[in-house]
N, C-alpha and C. Protein backbone atom coordinates (compact mmCIF):
# COMPACT_ATOMS: atom_id res chain seq x y z
N MET A 1 0.95 -1.22 0.17
CA MET A 1 0.04 -0.14 0.14
C MET A 1 0.85 0.96 0.10
N VAL A 2 0.57 2.20 -0.52
CA VAL A 2 1.15 3.58 -1.01
C VAL A 2 1.05 3.97 0.30
N ASP A 3 2.08 4.95 0.70
CA ASP A 3 1.92 5.90 2.10
C ASP A 3 1.41 7.14 1.47
N ALA A 4 0.59 7.78 1.63
CA ALA A 4 0.03 8.90 0.87
C ALA A 4 0.52 9.90 1.62
N VAL A 5 1.09 10.97 0.59
CA VAL A 5 1.65 12.60 1.31
C VAL A 5 0.30 13.20 1.42
N SER A 6 0.20 14.12 2.47
CA SER A 6 -0.64 14.86 2.95
C SER A 6 -0.41 16.55 1.93
N ARG A 7 -1.58 17.08 1.54
CA ARG A 7 -1.01 18.91 1.14
C ARG A 7 -0.46 19.43 1.86
N GLU A 8 -1.17 19.07 3.05
CA GLU A 8 -0.21 19.97 3.99
C GLU A 8 1.63 19.78 3.76
N THR A 9 1.76 18.61 3.84
CA THR A 9 2.96 18.43 3.83
C THR A 9 3.42 19.34 2.60
N VAL A 10 3.26 19.01 1.45
CA VAL A 10 3.45 19.65 0.37
C VAL A 10 3.70 21.14 0.25
N ASN A 11 2.71 21.53 0.78
CA ASN A 11 2.51 23.33 1.04
C ASN A 11 3.53 23.49 1.83
N ASP A 12 3.76 22.87 3.09
CA ASP A 12 4.65 23.17 3.59
C ASP A 12 6.24 23.04 3.19
N PHE A 13 6.41 22.24 2.61
CA PHE A 13 7.57 22.01 1.51
C PHE A 13 7.98 23.05 0.40
N HIS A 14 6.82 23.76 -0.02
CA HIS A 14 6.51 24.51 -0.89
C HIS A 14 7.04 25.83 0.13
N ALA A 15 6.54 26.46 1.24
CA ALA A 15 6.52 27.27 2.19
C ALA A 15 8.66 27.59 2.47
N ALA A 16 9.20 26.30 2.45
CA ALA A 16 10.21 26.29 2.88
C ALA A 16 11.40 26.43 1.42
N LEU A 17 10.83 26.40 0.43
CA LEU A 17 11.56 26.79 -0.62
C LEU A 17 11.62 28.43 -0.51
N ALA A 18 10.32 28.56 -0.67
CA ALA A 18 10.08 30.12 -0.52
C ALA A 18 10.96 30.80 0.77
N SER A 19 11.19 30.30 1.72
CA SER A 19 11.94 30.60 2.54
C SER A 19 13.05 30.60 2.30
N ARG A 20 13.90 30.18 1.51
CA ARG A 20 15.33 29.74 1.08
C ARG A 20 15.95 29.28 2.36
N ASP A 21 15.59 28.84 3.23
CA ASP A 21 16.22 28.40 4.43
C ASP A 21 16.81 26.85 3.93
N ALA A 22 18.13 26.81 3.76
CA ALA A 22 18.44 25.55 3.02
C ALA A 22 17.99 24.28 4.23
N SER A 23 18.33 24.55 5.92
CA SER A 23 18.07 23.32 6.58
C SER A 23 16.49 23.47 6.84
N ARG A 24 15.66 24.05 6.63
CA ARG A 24 14.37 24.16 6.58
C ARG A 24 14.09 23.32 5.34
N ILE A 25 14.70 23.81 4.10
CA ILE A 25 14.34 22.75 2.97
C ILE A 25 14.29 21.47 3.11
N VAL A 26 15.85 21.25 3.14
CA VAL A 26 16.21 19.46 3.68
C VAL A 26 15.52 18.87 4.45
N SER A 27 14.66 19.53 5.51
CA SER A 27 14.51 18.90 6.64
C SER A 27 12.84 17.86 5.78
N PHE A 28 12.77 18.25 4.67
CA PHE A 28 11.77 17.45 3.98
C PHE A 28 12.23 16.57 2.67
N VAL A 29 13.43 16.32 2.86
CA VAL A 29 14.19 15.22 1.95
C VAL A 29 14.81 14.35 2.69
N ALA A 30 14.94 12.73 2.24
CA ALA A 30 15.17 12.01 2.94
C ALA A 30 16.80 11.76 2.76
N ASP A 31 17.18 10.79 3.82
CA ASP A 31 18.87 11.06 3.65
C ASP A 31 19.27 10.43 2.51
N GLU A 32 18.84 9.53 1.54
CA GLU A 32 19.06 9.16 0.55
C GLU A 32 17.86 9.50 -0.57
N VAL A 33 18.18 10.31 -1.76
CA VAL A 33 17.57 10.54 -2.50
C VAL A 33 17.63 10.76 -3.94
N ASP A 34 16.70 10.89 -5.09
CA ASP A 34 16.95 10.85 -6.40
C ASP A 34 16.52 12.38 -6.85
N TRP A 35 17.60 13.42 -6.65
CA TRP A 35 17.26 14.73 -7.00
C TRP A 35 17.76 15.23 -8.40
N LEU A 36 17.05 15.44 -9.18
CA LEU A 36 17.56 16.01 -10.68
C LEU A 36 16.76 17.43 -10.66
N MET A 37 17.69 18.49 -10.87
CA MET A 37 17.41 19.41 -11.95
C MET A 37 17.80 19.57 -13.15
N ILE A 38 17.00 19.52 -14.08
CA ILE A 38 17.28 19.83 -15.50
C ILE A 38 17.52 20.83 -16.21
N GLY A 39 18.81 21.11 -16.86
CA GLY A 39 18.78 22.48 -17.08
C GLY A 39 20.74 22.75 -17.47
N PRO A 40 20.91 23.69 -18.34
CA PRO A 40 22.26 23.84 -18.46
C PRO A 40 23.12 24.24 -17.26
N VAL A 41 23.81 23.12 -17.25
CA VAL A 41 24.77 23.84 -16.04
C VAL A 41 25.64 24.65 -16.23
N ASP A 42 26.22 24.69 -17.75
CA ASP A 42 27.14 25.90 -18.31
C ASP A 42 26.44 26.86 -17.10
N VAL A 43 25.71 27.21 -17.68
CA VAL A 43 24.67 28.65 -17.32
C VAL A 43 24.48 28.77 -15.71
N MET A 44 23.71 27.53 -15.18
CA MET A 44 23.32 27.48 -13.61
C MET A 44 24.01 25.91 -12.96
N PRO A 45 25.28 26.16 -12.79
CA PRO A 45 25.65 25.43 -12.16
C PRO A 45 25.38 24.21 -11.16
N PHE A 46 24.34 24.83 -10.32
CA PHE A 46 23.64 23.74 -9.26
C PHE A 46 22.82 23.29 -10.13
N PHE A 47 22.45 23.14 -11.60
CA PHE A 47 21.70 22.09 -12.14
C PHE A 47 22.42 20.67 -11.85
N GLY A 48 21.49 19.48 -12.40
CA GLY A 48 22.50 18.03 -12.25
C GLY A 48 22.02 17.30 -11.13
N GLN A 49 22.06 16.26 -11.31
CA GLN A 49 21.59 14.93 -10.25
C GLN A 49 22.61 14.91 -9.20
N ARG A 50 21.65 14.83 -7.80
CA ARG A 50 22.24 14.47 -6.74
C ARG A 50 21.69 13.10 -5.93
N HIS A 51 22.27 12.67 -4.87
CA HIS A 51 21.59 11.51 -4.27
C HIS A 51 21.72 11.38 -2.62
N SER A 52 21.87 12.64 -2.36
CA SER A 52 21.81 12.89 -0.77
C SER A 52 21.53 13.86 -0.24
N LYS A 53 20.88 13.85 0.87
CA LYS A 53 20.44 15.29 1.73
C LYS A 53 21.15 15.95 2.01
N ALA A 54 22.63 15.54 2.14
CA ALA A 54 24.08 16.74 1.90
C ALA A 54 23.77 17.41 0.79
N GLU A 55 24.31 16.80 -0.23
CA GLU A 55 24.14 17.30 -1.44
C GLU A 55 23.12 18.54 -1.68
N VAL A 56 22.12 18.10 -1.48
CA VAL A 56 20.62 18.73 -1.93
C VAL A 56 20.71 19.89 -0.73
N TYR A 57 21.09 20.08 0.46
CA TYR A 57 21.83 21.09 1.27
C TYR A 57 22.67 22.12 0.90
N ASP A 58 23.81 21.75 -0.01
CA ASP A 58 24.32 22.46 -0.60
C ASP A 58 23.91 23.38 -1.71
N ILE A 59 23.23 22.64 -2.36
CA ILE A 59 22.61 23.26 -3.82
C ILE A 59 22.21 24.44 -3.08
N PHE A 60 21.05 24.73 -1.85
CA PHE A 60 20.43 25.91 -1.36
C PHE A 60 21.27 26.67 -0.24
N ALA A 61 22.63 25.85 0.37
CA ALA A 61 22.89 26.84 0.87
C ALA A 61 24.02 27.68 0.29
N ARG A 62 24.81 27.03 -0.67
CA ARG A 62 26.01 27.55 -1.50
C ARG A 62 25.45 27.83 -2.76
N GLN A 63 25.04 26.81 -3.76
CA GLN A 63 25.55 26.61 -4.84
C GLN A 63 24.28 27.64 -5.46
N ILE A 64 23.35 27.86 -5.27
CA ILE A 64 22.22 28.57 -5.98
C ILE A 64 22.61 30.14 -5.45
N PRO A 65 23.04 30.35 -4.15
CA PRO A 65 23.04 31.93 -3.74
C PRO A 65 24.38 32.26 -4.48
N ASP A 66 25.43 31.20 -5.01
CA ASP A 66 26.64 31.86 -5.35
C ASP A 66 26.17 32.61 -6.57
N VAL A 67 25.20 32.02 -7.43
CA VAL A 67 24.57 32.69 -8.74
C VAL A 67 23.25 33.61 -8.83
N LEU A 68 22.41 33.24 -7.77
CA LEU A 68 21.14 34.18 -7.34
C LEU A 68 21.02 34.61 -6.20
N GLU A 69 20.56 35.55 -5.83
CA GLU A 69 19.65 36.31 -5.00
C GLU A 69 18.57 35.80 -5.21
N VAL A 70 17.74 34.86 -4.54
CA VAL A 70 16.27 34.75 -4.87
C VAL A 70 15.47 35.49 -4.13
N THR A 71 14.37 36.22 -4.67
CA THR A 71 13.58 37.12 -4.53
C THR A 71 12.13 36.93 -4.30
N GLY A 72 12.05 35.64 -4.80
CA GLY A 72 10.44 35.13 -4.97
C GLY A 72 10.27 33.84 -5.58
N TYR A 73 9.93 32.88 -4.78
CA TYR A 73 9.30 32.05 -5.23
C TYR A 73 7.88 31.55 -4.73
N ALA A 74 6.84 31.27 -5.95
CA ALA A 74 5.58 31.12 -5.41
C ALA A 74 5.18 30.30 -6.66
N GLN A 75 4.39 29.15 -5.80
CA GLN A 75 3.75 28.05 -6.46
C GLN A 75 2.38 28.47 -6.94
N GLU A 76 2.40 28.43 -8.34
CA GLU A 76 1.19 28.09 -9.04
C GLU A 76 0.06 27.73 -9.19
N TYR A 77 0.68 26.08 -9.37
CA TYR A 77 -0.56 25.08 -9.30
C TYR A 77 -0.01 24.02 -8.40
N LEU A 78 -0.72 23.49 -7.77
CA LEU A 78 -0.04 21.98 -6.97
C LEU A 78 -1.42 20.86 -7.27
N LEU A 79 -0.62 19.42 -7.43
CA LEU A 79 -1.62 18.52 -7.97
C LEU A 79 -0.90 16.99 -6.64
N VAL A 80 -1.89 16.57 -5.97
CA VAL A 80 -1.22 15.94 -5.06
C VAL A 80 -2.17 14.51 -4.92
N ASP A 81 -1.14 13.14 -5.49
CA ASP A 81 -1.83 12.19 -5.39
C ASP A 81 -1.10 10.94 -4.62
N ALA A 82 -1.70 10.56 -4.03
CA ALA A 82 -1.25 9.13 -2.85
C ALA A 82 0.10 9.75 -2.69
N ASP A 83 1.05 9.11 -3.28
CA ASP A 83 2.94 9.62 -2.91
C ASP A 83 3.29 10.47 -3.76
N LEU A 84 2.59 11.11 -4.93
CA LEU A 84 3.40 11.83 -5.70
C LEU A 84 2.57 13.57 -5.49
N ALA A 85 3.32 14.24 -5.75
CA ALA A 85 3.29 15.80 -6.30
C ALA A 85 3.93 16.33 -7.36
N SER A 86 2.87 17.37 -8.08
CA SER A 86 3.69 17.87 -8.71
C SER A 86 3.33 19.51 -8.65
N SER A 87 4.22 20.51 -8.87
CA SER A 87 3.79 21.76 -9.11
C SER A 87 4.18 22.58 -10.08
N LEU A 88 3.59 23.78 -10.38
CA LEU A 88 4.09 24.76 -11.39
C LEU A 88 4.30 25.94 -10.74
N ASP A 89 5.33 26.46 -10.45
CA ASP A 89 6.17 27.60 -9.76
C ASP A 89 6.89 28.85 -10.33
N ARG A 90 6.95 29.58 -9.83
CA ARG A 90 8.14 30.45 -10.74
C ARG A 90 9.01 31.66 -9.51
N LEU A 91 10.16 31.62 -9.85
CA LEU A 91 11.39 32.13 -9.30
C LEU A 91 11.53 32.82 -9.69
N THR A 92 11.64 34.27 -8.69
CA THR A 92 12.19 35.48 -9.13
C THR A 92 13.65 35.72 -8.51
N ALA A 93 14.77 36.05 -9.17
CA ALA A 93 15.90 36.43 -8.58
C ALA A 93 16.64 37.58 -9.34
N THR A 94 17.91 37.60 -8.46
CA THR A 94 18.76 38.64 -9.15
C THR A 94 20.01 37.93 -9.52
N GLN A 95 20.73 37.99 -10.62
CA GLN A 95 21.80 37.48 -10.76
C GLN A 95 22.77 38.26 -10.48
N ARG A 96 23.47 37.78 -9.33
CA ARG A 96 24.78 38.16 -8.54
C ARG A 96 25.83 38.93 -9.43
N ARG A 97 26.04 38.34 -10.41
CA ARG A 97 27.22 38.54 -11.53
C ARG A 97 26.96 40.21 -12.22
N THR A 98 25.55 40.14 -12.29
CA THR A 98 25.31 41.46 -13.53
C THR A 98 24.08 41.98 -12.84
N GLY A 99 23.47 42.12 -11.55
CA GLY A 99 22.61 42.69 -11.34
C GLY A 99 21.07 42.33 -11.78
N ARG A 100 21.18 41.70 -12.97
CA ARG A 100 19.98 41.47 -13.82
C ARG A 100 19.03 40.85 -13.08
N THR A 101 17.87 41.10 -12.73
CA THR A 101 16.59 40.55 -12.54
C THR A 101 15.96 39.58 -13.57
N ILE A 102 15.58 38.23 -12.86
CA ILE A 102 15.20 37.49 -13.96
C ILE A 102 13.87 36.56 -13.20
N SER A 103 13.34 36.28 -14.25
CA SER A 103 12.17 35.23 -13.45
C SER A 103 11.66 34.11 -14.70
N TYR A 104 11.38 33.04 -14.07
CA TYR A 104 11.12 31.71 -14.70
C TYR A 104 10.36 31.09 -14.15
N ARG A 105 9.71 29.94 -14.76
CA ARG A 105 8.73 28.83 -14.49
C ARG A 105 9.73 27.55 -14.32
N LEU A 106 9.39 26.92 -13.46
CA LEU A 106 9.80 25.87 -13.26
C LEU A 106 8.54 24.57 -12.92
N ALA A 107 8.73 23.66 -13.29
CA ALA A 107 7.54 22.44 -12.80
C ALA A 107 8.67 21.63 -11.55
N ASN A 108 7.89 21.16 -11.02
CA ASN A 108 8.65 20.18 -9.88
C ASN A 108 7.57 18.56 -9.84
N PHE A 109 8.19 17.26 -9.83
CA PHE A 109 7.66 16.35 -9.73
C PHE A 109 8.31 15.67 -8.61
N MET A 110 7.41 15.28 -7.34
CA MET A 110 8.64 14.98 -6.38
C MET A 110 7.51 13.18 -5.99
N ARG A 111 8.14 12.51 -5.53
CA ARG A 111 7.86 11.43 -4.45
C ARG A 111 7.74 11.34 -3.58
N PHE A 112 7.05 10.94 -2.46
CA PHE A 112 7.05 11.13 -0.96
C PHE A 112 7.07 10.00 -0.41
N ARG A 113 8.05 9.34 0.53
CA ARG A 113 7.73 8.36 1.47
C ARG A 113 7.78 8.78 2.99
N ASP A 114 7.10 8.39 3.91
CA ASP A 114 6.76 8.67 5.05
C ASP A 114 7.27 10.31 5.61
N GLY A 115 6.71 11.09 4.58
CA GLY A 115 6.29 12.47 4.81
C GLY A 115 7.86 13.42 3.93
N LYS A 116 8.66 12.13 3.56
CA LYS A 116 9.87 13.06 3.32
C LYS A 116 10.29 12.63 1.71
N ILE A 117 10.58 13.61 0.65
CA ILE A 117 11.09 13.40 0.00
C ILE A 117 11.96 12.37 -1.09
N VAL A 118 11.51 11.37 -1.46
CA VAL A 118 12.53 10.39 -1.86
C VAL A 118 12.76 10.33 -3.65
N ALA A 119 12.22 11.28 -4.53
CA ALA A 119 12.59 11.58 -5.99
C ALA A 119 12.05 13.15 -6.14
N LEU A 120 12.95 13.80 -6.85
CA LEU A 120 12.39 15.30 -6.85
C LEU A 120 12.90 15.33 -8.58
N VAL A 121 12.24 15.86 -9.52
CA VAL A 121 12.92 16.07 -10.92
C VAL A 121 12.40 17.72 -10.87
N SER A 122 12.80 18.42 -11.28
CA SER A 122 12.61 19.72 -11.83
C SER A 122 12.88 20.34 -13.29
N LEU A 123 11.90 20.73 -13.39
CA LEU A 123 11.75 20.68 -15.29
C LEU A 123 11.88 22.45 -15.23
N VAL A 124 13.36 23.01 -15.38
CA VAL A 124 13.15 24.87 -15.68
C VAL A 124 12.70 24.53 -17.34
N ASP A 125 12.12 26.43 -17.52
CA ASP A 125 12.04 26.87 -18.62
C ASP A 125 13.48 27.52 -19.18
N THR A 126 14.08 26.52 -19.24
CA THR A 126 15.97 26.52 -19.36
C THR A 126 16.10 27.84 -20.50
N LEU A 127 15.38 27.82 -21.88
CA LEU A 127 15.45 28.64 -22.79
C LEU A 127 15.21 30.05 -22.14
N ASP A 128 14.49 30.35 -21.63
CA ASP A 128 13.81 31.39 -20.75
C ASP A 128 14.96 31.74 -20.03
N ALA A 129 15.33 31.12 -18.77
CA ALA A 129 16.35 31.10 -18.16
C ALA A 129 17.61 31.77 -18.04
N ALA A 130 18.22 30.98 -19.29
CA ALA A 130 19.55 31.31 -20.10
C ALA A 130 19.35 32.51 -20.49
N GLU A 131 18.62 33.08 -21.73
CA GLU A 131 18.56 34.28 -22.41
C GLU A 131 18.44 35.29 -21.30
N GLN A 132 18.02 34.97 -20.12
CA GLN A 132 17.50 36.07 -19.14
C GLN A 132 19.10 36.31 -18.36
N LEU A 133 19.81 35.14 -17.98
CA LEU A 133 20.87 35.38 -17.27
C LEU A 133 22.20 35.94 -18.72
N LEU A 134 21.87 35.03 -19.46
CA LEU A 134 23.06 35.57 -20.34
C LEU A 134 23.05 37.16 -20.98
N GLY A 135 21.48 37.76 -20.66
CA GLY A 135 21.23 38.95 -21.23
C GLY A 135 20.88 39.17 -22.25
N ARG A 136 20.73 38.23 -23.33
CA ARG A 136 20.62 37.85 -24.59
C ARG A 136 19.63 37.05 -25.14
N GLN A 137 18.95 37.21 -26.35
CA GLN A 137 18.18 35.98 -26.96
C GLN A 137 19.60 34.96 -27.52
N ILE A 138 18.81 33.44 -27.72
CA ILE A 138 20.01 32.71 -28.42
C ILE A 138 19.24 32.51 -29.22
N ASP A 139 20.30 32.25 -30.84
CA ASP A 139 20.04 32.29 -31.85
C ASP A 139 19.90 30.83 -32.04
N LEU A 140 18.49 30.53 -32.48
CA LEU A 140 18.42 28.96 -32.77
C LEU A 140 17.98 28.98 -33.94
N SER A 141 18.26 29.65 -35.01
CA SER A 141 17.99 29.44 -36.63
C SER A 141 19.33 28.73 -37.02
N VAL A 142 18.54 27.61 -38.19
CA VAL A 142 19.39 27.09 -38.51
C VAL A 142 19.84 27.39 -39.65
N SER A 143 21.01 27.04 -39.87
CA SER A 143 22.02 27.82 -41.10
C SER A 143 21.73 26.78 -41.95
């Protein structure tokens, strides 16, 4: 039988994300986790796959703050079904290197066990985010 996650737990996790407090965020993460943030690692080095709570902590305590000062994190949609949750969110931040304000959407897909995240896939609107971070449109024309 699947251990269902409560909507309250998922909302509490999103409140932790909005707080940007790494300790609070990882309090929702299992010790062993499959955490995947899909995106251009060259532009946002905190993207990629992690497998431990300590690695996820480092993303929020050091890696993201090295690149971005997050000024807003809002949940736009949320679905919860049994042990699964998905959300469409919007992140707003200031790029530390340039001072440029950026805002992009991301979709999170989570699996919970005993109230903890055991798997997360985060899909970012990477073209939009990369163009904002680079300060220019990326030429996608075919020669």
